Amino acid sequence: MTVRLAVSIALALLLAGCSSSSAPPSAYYRPTPNQAVKASQESVETPEWLRQADYRHGGPIPPMEDKRKINEQSCNQGVDLAAGNLRCK
């Protein structure tokens, strides 16, 4: 009986020791915003197209197509969205 009790206590202590290494240091542990951002950036490889700045952030503005369809009409009337890019008179 004593041996079974000692084995169960030793097993419980062993399991408690193993699980505490992966748990946070306390139940109330929360990373700071800087720590959370750094951890998320390190965990995922950012694709190349997301690293390039777009025009909203001062990046290059792509050139317009030379052969795009332009619909020139009075803007007082209804707009035909299927007619191409709108240029008002």
PDB file of N, CA and C in Angstrom:
ATOM      1  N   MET A   1       0.822  -1.188   0.000  1.00  0.00           N
ATOM      2  CA  MET A   1       0.000   0.000   0.000  1.00  0.00           C
ATOM      3  C   MET A   1       0.875   1.264   0.000  1.00  0.00           C
ATOM      4  N   THR A   2       1.897   1.274   0.810  1.00  0.00           N
ATOM      5  CA  THR A   2       2.784   2.425   0.909  1.00  0.00           C
ATOM      6  C   THR A   2       3.557   2.617  -0.395  1.00  0.00           C
ATOM      7  N   VAL A   3       3.921   1.501  -1.017  1.00  0.00           N
ATOM      8  CA  VAL A   3       4.670   1.586  -2.275  1.00  0.00           C
ATOM      9  C   VAL A   3       3.792   2.192  -3.365  1.00  0.00           C
ATOM     10  N   ARG A   4       2.544   1.784  -3.439  1.00  0.00           N
ATOM     11  CA  ARG A   4       1.616   2.331  -4.441  1.00  0.00           C
ATOM     12  C   ARG A   4       1.427   3.829  -4.228  1.00  0.00           C
ATOM     13  N   LEU A   5       1.279   4.247  -2.984  1.00  0.00           N
ATOM     14  CA  LEU A   5       1.107   5.658  -2.673  1.00  0.00           C
ATOM     15  C   LEU A   5       2.361   6.452  -3.059  1.00  0.00           C
ATOM     16  N   ALA A   6       3.539   5.927  -2.770  1.00  0.00           N
ATOM     17  CA  ALA A   6       4.786   6.608  -3.102  1.00  0.00           C
ATOM     18  C   ALA A   6       4.971   6.707  -4.610  1.00  0.00           C
ATOM     19  N   VAL A   7       4.618   5.644  -5.329  1.00  0.00           N
ATOM     20  CA  VAL A   7       4.736   5.655  -6.791  1.00  0.00           C
ATOM     21  C   VAL A   7       3.768   6.667  -7.391  1.00  0.00           C
ATOM     22  N   SER A   8       2.546   6.729  -6.897  1.00  0.00           N
ATOM     23  CA  SER A   8       1.575   7.675  -7.445  1.00  0.00           C
ATOM     24  C   SER A   8       1.976   9.119  -7.153  1.00  0.00           C
ATOM     25  N   ILE A   9       2.547   9.374  -5.974  1.00  0.00           N
ATOM     26  CA  ILE A   9       3.008  10.730  -5.649  1.00  0.00           C
ATOM     27  C   ILE A   9       4.204  11.105  -6.531  1.00  0.00           C
ATOM     28  N   ALA A  10       5.128  10.197  -6.719  1.00  0.00           N
ATOM     29  CA  ALA A  10       6.291  10.460  -7.570  1.00  0.00           C
ATOM     30  C   ALA A  10       5.861  10.711  -9.011  1.00  0.00           C
ATOM     31  N   LEU A  11       4.898   9.945  -9.485  1.00  0.00           N
ATOM     32  CA  LEU A  11       4.386  10.134 -10.845  1.00  0.00           C
ATOM     33  C   LEU A  11       3.696  11.487 -10.980  1.00  0.00           C
ATOM     34  N   ALA A  12       2.931  11.876  -9.988  1.00  0.00           N
ATOM     35  CA  ALA A  12       2.251  13.166 -10.010  1.00  0.00           C
ATOM     36  C   ALA A  12       3.263  14.315 -10.021  1.00  0.00           C
ATOM     37  N   LEU A  13       4.307  14.211  -9.221  1.00  0.00           N
ATOM     38  CA  LEU A  13       5.341  15.248  -9.197  1.00  0.00           C
ATOM     39  C   LEU A  13       6.108  15.309 -10.508  1.00  0.00           C
ATOM     40  N   LEU A  14       6.358  14.154 -11.080  1.00  0.00           N
ATOM     41  CA  LEU A  14       7.056  14.107 -12.364  1.00  0.00           C
ATOM     42  C   LEU A  14       6.228  14.762 -13.458  1.00  0.00           C
ATOM     43  N   LEU A  15       4.943  14.463 -13.504  1.00  0.00           N
ATOM     44  CA  LEU A  15       4.064  15.064 -14.507  1.00  0.00           C
ATOM     45  C   LEU A  15       3.896  16.561 -14.270  1.00  0.00           C
ATOM     46  N   ALA A  16       3.828  16.968 -13.027  1.00  0.00           N
ATOM     47  CA  ALA A  16       3.708  18.399 -12.715  1.00  0.00           C
ATOM     48  C   ALA A  16       4.964  19.143 -13.142  1.00  0.00           C
ATOM     49  N   GLY A  17       6.118  18.543 -12.971  1.00  0.00           N
ATOM     50  CA  GLY A  17       7.368  19.169 -13.385  1.00  0.00           C
ATOM     51  C   GLY A  17       7.477  19.294 -14.890  1.00  0.00           C
ATOM     52  N   CYS A  18       6.991  18.310 -15.625  1.00  0.00           N
ATOM     53  CA  CYS A  18       7.055  18.347 -17.085  1.00  0.00           C
ATOM     54  C   CYS A  18       6.101  19.373 -17.661  1.00  0.00           C
ATOM     55  N   SER A  19       4.925  19.479 -17.081  1.00  0.00           N
ATOM     56  CA  SER A  19       3.937  20.397 -17.648  1.00  0.00           C
ATOM     57  C   SER A  19       4.244  21.841 -17.294  1.00  0.00           C
ATOM     58  N   SER A  20       4.965  22.112 -16.225  1.00  0.00           N
ATOM     59  CA  SER A  20       5.234  23.499 -15.845  1.00  0.00           C
ATOM     60  C   SER A  20       6.250  24.159 -16.766  1.00  0.00           C
ATOM     61  N   SER A  21       7.066  23.387 -17.468  1.00  0.00           N
ATOM     62  CA  SER A  21       8.058  23.994 -18.354  1.00  0.00           C
ATOM     63  C   SER A  21       7.412  24.617 -19.583  1.00  0.00           C
ATOM     64  N   SER A  22       6.259  24.128 -20.014  1.00  0.00           N
ATOM     65  CA  SER A  22       5.600  24.698 -21.184  1.00  0.00           C
ATOM     66  C   SER A  22       4.564  25.743 -20.808  1.00  0.00           C
ATOM     67  N   ALA A  23       4.194  25.830 -19.542  1.00  0.00           N
ATOM     68  CA  ALA A  23       3.195  26.794 -19.095  1.00  0.00           C
ATOM     69  C   ALA A  23       3.847  28.151 -18.852  1.00  0.00           C
ATOM     70  N   PRO A  24       3.088  29.219 -18.955  1.00  0.00           N
ATOM     71  CA  PRO A  24       3.636  30.541 -18.641  1.00  0.00           C
ATOM     72  C   PRO A  24       4.031  30.616 -17.167  1.00  0.00           C
ATOM     73  N   PRO A  25       4.876  31.576 -16.797  1.00  0.00           N
ATOM     74  CA  PRO A  25       5.360  31.647 -15.425  1.00  0.00           C
ATOM     75  C   PRO A  25       4.259  31.851 -14.389  1.00  0.00           C
ATOM     76  N   SER A  26       3.155  32.459 -14.753  1.00  0.00           N
ATOM     77  CA  SER A  26       2.059  32.598 -13.806  1.00  0.00           C
ATOM     78  C   SER A  26       0.743  32.504 -14.565  1.00  0.00           C
ATOM     79  N   ALA A  27      -0.340  32.350 -13.824  1.00  0.00           N
ATOM     80  CA  ALA A  27      -1.655  32.240 -14.456  1.00  0.00           C
ATOM     81  C   ALA A  27      -2.090  33.568 -15.058  1.00  0.00           C
ATOM     82  N   TYR A  28      -1.482  34.671 -14.621  1.00  0.00           N
ATOM     83  CA  TYR A  28      -1.880  36.001 -15.091  1.00  0.00           C
ATOM     84  C   TYR A  28      -0.907  36.578 -16.108  1.00  0.00           C
ATOM     85  N   TYR A  29      -0.062  35.753 -16.692  1.00  0.00           N
ATOM     86  CA  TYR A  29       0.927  36.211 -17.660  1.00  0.00           C
ATOM     87  C   TYR A  29       0.247  36.630 -18.954  1.00  0.00           C
ATOM     88  N   ARG A  30       0.542  37.837 -19.423  1.00  0.00           N
ATOM     89  CA  ARG A  30       0.073  38.319 -20.719  1.00  0.00           C
ATOM     90  C   ARG A  30       1.245  39.017 -21.390  1.00  0.00           C
ATOM     91  N   PRO A  31       1.514  38.717 -22.671  1.00  0.00           N
ATOM     92  CA  PRO A  31       2.620  39.413 -23.343  1.00  0.00           C
ATOM     93  C   PRO A  31       2.265  40.877 -23.583  1.00  0.00           C
ATOM     94  N   THR A  32       3.272  41.721 -23.604  1.00  0.00           N
ATOM     95  CA  THR A  32       3.050  43.122 -23.939  1.00  0.00           C
ATOM     96  C   THR A  32       2.730  43.203 -25.430  1.00  0.00           C
ATOM     97  N   PRO A  33       2.128  44.304 -25.894  1.00  0.00           N
ATOM     98  CA  PRO A  33       1.847  44.423 -27.324  1.00  0.00           C
ATOM     99  C   PRO A  33       3.093  44.260 -28.198  1.00  0.00           C
ATOM    100  N   ASN A  34       4.229  44.814 -27.763  1.00  0.00           N
ATOM    101  CA  ASN A  34       5.462  44.677 -28.547  1.00  0.00           C
ATOM    102  C   ASN A  34       5.918  43.227 -28.621  1.00  0.00           C
ATOM    103  N   GLN A  35       5.787  42.497 -27.510  1.00  0.00           N
ATOM    104  CA  GLN A  35       6.153  41.082 -27.508  1.00  0.00           C
ATOM    105  C   GLN A  35       5.229  40.279 -28.416  1.00  0.00           C
ATOM    106  N   ALA A  36       3.943  40.597 -28.407  1.00  0.00           N
ATOM    107  CA  ALA A  36       2.989  39.871 -29.238  1.00  0.00           C
ATOM    108  C   ALA A  36       3.250  40.109 -30.725  1.00  0.00           C
ATOM    109  N   VAL A  37       3.531  41.358 -31.098  1.00  0.00           N
ATOM    110  CA  VAL A  37       3.812  41.679 -32.505  1.00  0.00           C
ATOM    111  C   VAL A  37       5.095  40.999 -32.950  1.00  0.00           C
ATOM    112  N   LYS A  38       6.116  41.045 -32.117  1.00  0.00           N
ATOM    113  CA  LYS A  38       7.396  40.421 -32.465  1.00  0.00           C
ATOM    114  C   LYS A  38       7.230  38.914 -32.639  1.00  0.00           C
ATOM    115  N   ALA A  39       6.481  38.284 -31.753  1.00  0.00           N
ATOM    116  CA  ALA A  39       6.265  36.842 -31.848  1.00  0.00           C
ATOM    117  C   ALA A  39       5.487  36.484 -33.105  1.00  0.00           C
ATOM    118  N   SER A  40       4.493  37.301 -33.463  1.00  0.00           N
ATOM    119  CA  SER A  40       3.718  36.993 -34.662  1.00  0.00           C
ATOM    120  C   SER A  40       4.532  37.210 -35.931  1.00  0.00           C
ATOM    121  N   GLN A  41       5.413  38.207 -35.938  1.00  0.00           N
ATOM    122  CA  GLN A  41       6.252  38.447 -37.112  1.00  0.00           C
ATOM    123  C   GLN A  41       7.302  37.364 -37.280  1.00  0.00           C
ATOM    124  N   GLU A  42       7.805  36.826 -36.188  1.00  0.00           N
ATOM    125  CA  GLU A  42       8.815  35.791 -36.273  1.00  0.00           C
ATOM    126  C   GLU A  42       8.230  34.440 -36.651  1.00  0.00           C
ATOM    127  N   SER A  43       6.950  34.242 -36.380  1.00  0.00           N
ATOM    128  CA  SER A  43       6.359  32.930 -36.607  1.00  0.00           C
ATOM    129  C   SER A  43       5.917  32.713 -38.053  1.00  0.00           C
ATOM    130  N   VAL A  44       5.726  33.784 -38.824  1.00  0.00           N
ATOM    131  CA  VAL A  44       5.209  33.660 -40.184  1.00  0.00           C
ATOM    132  C   VAL A  44       6.126  34.403 -41.145  1.00  0.00           C
ATOM    133  N   GLU A  45       6.452  33.777 -42.258  1.00  0.00           N
ATOM    134  CA  GLU A  45       7.238  34.418 -43.309  1.00  0.00           C
ATOM    135  C   GLU A  45       6.302  35.305 -44.137  1.00  0.00           C
ATOM    136  N   THR A  46       6.582  36.599 -44.205  1.00  0.00           N
ATOM    137  CA  THR A  46       5.742  37.537 -44.950  1.00  0.00           C
ATOM    138  C   THR A  46       6.045  37.418 -46.436  1.00  0.00           C
ATOM    139  N   PRO A  47       5.008  37.257 -47.274  1.00  0.00           N
ATOM    140  CA  PRO A  47       5.248  37.182 -48.721  1.00  0.00           C
ATOM    141  C   PRO A  47       5.845  38.488 -49.261  1.00  0.00           C
ATOM    142  N   GLU A  48       6.558  38.391 -50.356  1.00  0.00           N
ATOM    143  CA  GLU A  48       7.237  39.546 -50.949  1.00  0.00           C
ATOM    144  C   GLU A  48       6.253  40.645 -51.339  1.00  0.00           C
ATOM    145  N   TRP A  49       5.089  40.263 -51.866  1.00  0.00           N
ATOM    146  CA  TRP A  49       4.142  41.277 -52.330  1.00  0.00           C
ATOM    147  C   TRP A  49       3.556  42.070 -51.172  1.00  0.00           C
ATOM    148  N   LEU A  50       3.582  41.545 -49.957  1.00  0.00           N
ATOM    149  CA  LEU A  50       3.107  42.306 -48.801  1.00  0.00           C
ATOM    150  C   LEU A  50       4.182  43.234 -48.243  1.00  0.00           C
ATOM    151  N   ARG A  51       5.434  42.996 -48.567  1.00  0.00           N
ATOM    152  CA  ARG A  51       6.518  43.843 -48.070  1.00  0.00           C
ATOM    153  C   ARG A  51       6.637  45.137 -48.856  1.00  0.00           C
ATOM    154  N   GLN A  52       6.154  45.164 -50.094  1.00  0.00           N
ATOM    155  CA  GLN A  52       6.276  46.344 -50.934  1.00  0.00           C
ATOM    156  C   GLN A  52       5.202  47.362 -50.568  1.00  0.00           C
ATOM    157  N   ALA A  53       5.610  48.617 -50.452  1.00  0.00           N
ATOM    158  CA  ALA A  53       4.660  49.679 -50.130  1.00  0.00           C
ATOM    159  C   ALA A  53       3.786  49.974 -51.338  1.00  0.00           C
ATOM    160  N   ASP A  54       2.513  50.224 -51.102  1.00  0.00           N
ATOM    161  CA  ASP A  54       1.629  50.607 -52.198  1.00  0.00           C
ATOM    162  C   ASP A  54       1.448  52.126 -52.196  1.00  0.00           C
ATOM    163  N   TYR A  55       0.624  52.625 -53.100  1.00  0.00           N
ATOM    164  CA  TYR A  55       0.499  54.073 -53.260  1.00  0.00           C
ATOM    165  C   TYR A  55      -0.092  54.751 -52.036  1.00  0.00           C
ATOM    166  N   ARG A  56      -0.857  54.027 -51.214  1.00  0.00           N
ATOM    167  CA  ARG A  56      -1.424  54.630 -50.004  1.00  0.00           C
ATOM    168  C   ARG A  56      -0.337  54.941 -48.985  1.00  0.00           C
ATOM    169  N   HIS A  57       0.780  54.235 -49.059  1.00  0.00           N
ATOM    170  CA  HIS A  57       1.877  54.433 -48.124  1.00  0.00           C
ATOM    171  C   HIS A  57       3.098  55.047 -48.792  1.00  0.00           C
ATOM    172  N   GLY A  58       2.901  55.719 -49.909  1.00  0.00           N
ATOM    173  CA  GLY A  58       3.997  56.406 -50.568  1.00  0.00           C
ATOM    174  C   GLY A  58       4.778  55.562 -51.549  1.00  0.00           C
ATOM    175  N   GLY A  59       4.264  54.396 -51.896  1.00  0.00           N
ATOM    176  CA  GLY A  59       4.939  53.535 -52.856  1.00  0.00           C
ATOM    177  C   GLY A  59       4.680  53.986 -54.288  1.00  0.00           C
ATOM    178  N   PRO A  60       5.238  53.265 -55.254  1.00  0.00           N
ATOM    179  CA  PRO A  60       5.072  53.666 -56.663  1.00  0.00           C
ATOM    180  C   PRO A  60       3.639  53.459 -57.145  1.00  0.00           C
ATOM    181  N   ILE A  61       3.184  54.366 -58.009  1.00  0.00           N
ATOM    182  CA  ILE A  61       1.853  54.261 -58.610  1.00  0.00           C
ATOM    183  C   ILE A  61       2.017  53.575 -59.963  1.00  0.00           C
ATOM    184  N   PRO A  62       1.286  52.485 -60.201  1.00  0.00           N
ATOM    185  CA  PRO A  62       1.442  51.786 -61.483  1.00  0.00           C
ATOM    186  C   PRO A  62       0.916  52.632 -62.635  1.00  0.00           C
ATOM    187  N   PRO A  63       1.518  52.493 -63.823  1.00  0.00           N
ATOM    188  CA  PRO A  63       1.035  53.262 -64.976  1.00  0.00           C
ATOM    189  C   PRO A  63      -0.318  52.733 -65.448  1.00  0.00           C
ATOM    190  N   MET A  64      -1.096  53.617 -66.079  1.00  0.00           N
ATOM    191  CA  MET A  64      -2.395  53.208 -66.618  1.00  0.00           C
ATOM    192  C   MET A  64      -2.206  52.465 -67.928  1.00  0.00           C
ATOM    193  N   GLU A  65      -3.169  51.637 -68.239  1.00  0.00           N
ATOM    194  CA  GLU A  65      -3.120  50.906 -69.508  1.00  0.00           C
ATOM    195  C   GLU A  65      -3.345  51.868 -70.663  1.00  0.00           C
ATOM    196  N   ASP A  66      -2.581  51.683 -71.735  1.00  0.00           N
ATOM    197  CA  ASP A  66      -2.706  52.561 -72.901  1.00  0.00           C
ATOM    198  C   ASP A  66      -3.988  52.296 -73.675  1.00  0.00           C
ATOM    199  N   LYS A  67      -4.439  51.061 -73.723  1.00  0.00           N
ATOM    200  CA  LYS A  67      -5.570  50.691 -74.582  1.00  0.00           C
ATOM    201  C   LYS A  67      -6.855  50.463 -73.784  1.00  0.00           C
ATOM    202  N   ARG A  68      -6.963  51.080 -72.614  1.00  0.00           N
ATOM    203  CA  ARG A  68      -8.183  50.878 -71.828  1.00  0.00           C
ATOM    204  C   ARG A  68      -9.355  51.611 -72.471  1.00  0.00           C
ATOM    205  N   LYS A  69     -10.535  51.083 -72.241  1.00  0.00           N
ATOM    206  CA  LYS A  69     -11.752  51.657 -72.806  1.00  0.00           C
ATOM    207  C   LYS A  69     -12.216  52.818 -71.937  1.00  0.00           C
ATOM    208  N   ILE A  70     -12.465  53.979 -72.570  1.00  0.00           N
ATOM    209  CA  ILE A  70     -12.902  55.167 -71.837  1.00  0.00           C
ATOM    210  C   ILE A  70     -14.250  55.601 -72.379  1.00  0.00           C
ATOM    211  N   ASN A  71     -15.203  55.795 -71.488  1.00  0.00           N
ATOM    212  CA  ASN A  71     -16.541  56.256 -71.851  1.00  0.00           C
ATOM    213  C   ASN A  71     -16.638  57.726 -71.471  1.00  0.00           C
ATOM    214  N   GLU A  72     -16.744  58.615 -72.458  1.00  0.00           N
ATOM    215  CA  GLU A  72     -16.852  60.043 -72.198  1.00  0.00           C
ATOM    216  C   GLU A  72     -18.310  60.438 -72.327  1.00  0.00           C
ATOM    217  N   GLN A  73     -18.882  60.928 -71.226  1.00  0.00           N
ATOM    218  CA  GLN A  73     -20.299  61.300 -71.224  1.00  0.00           C
ATOM    219  C   GLN A  73     -20.528  62.404 -70.217  1.00  0.00           C
ATOM    220  N   SER A  74     -21.707  62.990 -70.257  1.00  0.00           N
ATOM    221  CA  SER A  74     -22.084  64.008 -69.286  1.00  0.00           C
ATOM    222  C   SER A  74     -22.354  63.325 -67.947  1.00  0.00           C
ATOM    223  N   CYS A  75     -21.825  63.871 -66.901  1.00  0.00           N
ATOM    224  CA  CYS A  75     -21.988  63.243 -65.585  1.00  0.00           C
ATOM    225  C   CYS A  75     -23.308  63.622 -64.927  1.00  0.00           C
ATOM    226  N   ASN A  76     -24.140  64.406 -65.616  1.00  0.00           N
ATOM    227  CA  ASN A  76     -25.471  64.718 -65.088  1.00  0.00           C
ATOM    228  C   ASN A  76     -26.427  63.563 -65.339  1.00  0.00           C
ATOM    229  N   GLN A  77     -26.087  62.673 -66.235  1.00  0.00           N
ATOM    230  CA  GLN A  77     -26.933  61.533 -66.573  1.00  0.00           C
ATOM    231  C   GLN A  77     -26.500  60.326 -65.741  1.00  0.00           C
ATOM    232  N   GLY A  78     -27.228  59.228 -65.909  1.00  0.00           N
ATOM    233  CA  GLY A  78     -26.843  57.993 -65.244  1.00  0.00           C
ATOM    234  C   GLY A  78     -25.549  57.443 -65.820  1.00  0.00           C
ATOM    235  N   VAL A  79     -24.805  56.728 -65.026  1.00  0.00           N
ATOM    236  CA  VAL A  79     -23.508  56.213 -65.439  1.00  0.00           C
ATOM    237  C   VAL A  79     -23.659  54.765 -65.877  1.00  0.00           C
ATOM    238  N   ASP A  80     -23.136  54.452 -67.078  1.00  0.00           N
ATOM    239  CA  ASP A  80     -23.126  53.075 -67.574  1.00  0.00           C
ATOM    240  C   ASP A  80     -21.811  52.440 -67.122  1.00  0.00           C
ATOM    241  N   LEU A  81     -21.891  51.573 -66.110  1.00  0.00           N
ATOM    242  CA  LEU A  81     -20.677  50.994 -65.536  1.00  0.00           C
ATOM    243  C   LEU A  81     -19.983  50.008 -66.463  1.00  0.00           C
ATOM    244  N   ALA A  82     -20.697  49.422 -67.404  1.00  0.00           N
ATOM    245  CA  ALA A  82     -20.106  48.454 -68.322  1.00  0.00           C
ATOM    246  C   ALA A  82     -19.457  49.112 -69.523  1.00  0.00           C
ATOM    247  N   ALA A  83     -19.567  50.410 -69.656  1.00  0.00           N
ATOM    248  CA  ALA A  83     -19.051  51.107 -70.840  1.00  0.00           C
ATOM    249  C   ALA A  83     -17.578  51.439 -70.751  1.00  0.00           C
ATOM    250  N   GLY A  84     -16.893  51.202 -69.646  1.00  0.00           N
ATOM    251  CA  GLY A  84     -15.480  51.491 -69.510  1.00  0.00           C
ATOM    252  C   GLY A  84     -15.251  52.548 -68.447  1.00  0.00           C
ATOM    253  N   ASN A  85     -14.016  53.045 -68.383  1.00  0.00           N
ATOM    254  CA  ASN A  85     -13.705  54.098 -67.418  1.00  0.00           C
ATOM    255  C   ASN A  85     -14.437  55.372 -67.790  1.00  0.00           C
ATOM    256  N   LEU A  86     -14.921  56.110 -66.807  1.00  0.00           N
ATOM    257  CA  LEU A  86     -15.758  57.275 -67.039  1.00  0.00           C
ATOM    258  C   LEU A  86     -14.909  58.539 -67.090  1.00  0.00           C
ATOM    259  N   ARG A  87     -15.132  59.351 -68.124  1.00  0.00           N
ATOM    260  CA  ARG A  87     -14.550  60.682 -68.221  1.00  0.00           C
ATOM    261  C   ARG A  87     -15.703  61.645 -68.417  1.00  0.00           C
ATOM    262  N   CYS A  88     -15.879  62.549 -67.466  1.00  0.00           N
ATOM    263  CA  CYS A  88     -16.995  63.490 -67.537  1.00  0.00           C
ATOM    264  C   CYS A  88     -16.674  64.644 -68.458  1.00  0.00           C
ATOM    265  N   LYS A  89     -17.709  65.161 -69.147  1.00  0.00           N
ATOM    266  CA  LYS A  89     -17.572  66.341 -70.019  1.00  0.00           C
ATOM    267  C   LYS A  89     -17.816  67.595 -69.245  1.00  0.00           C
TER     268      LYS A  89
END
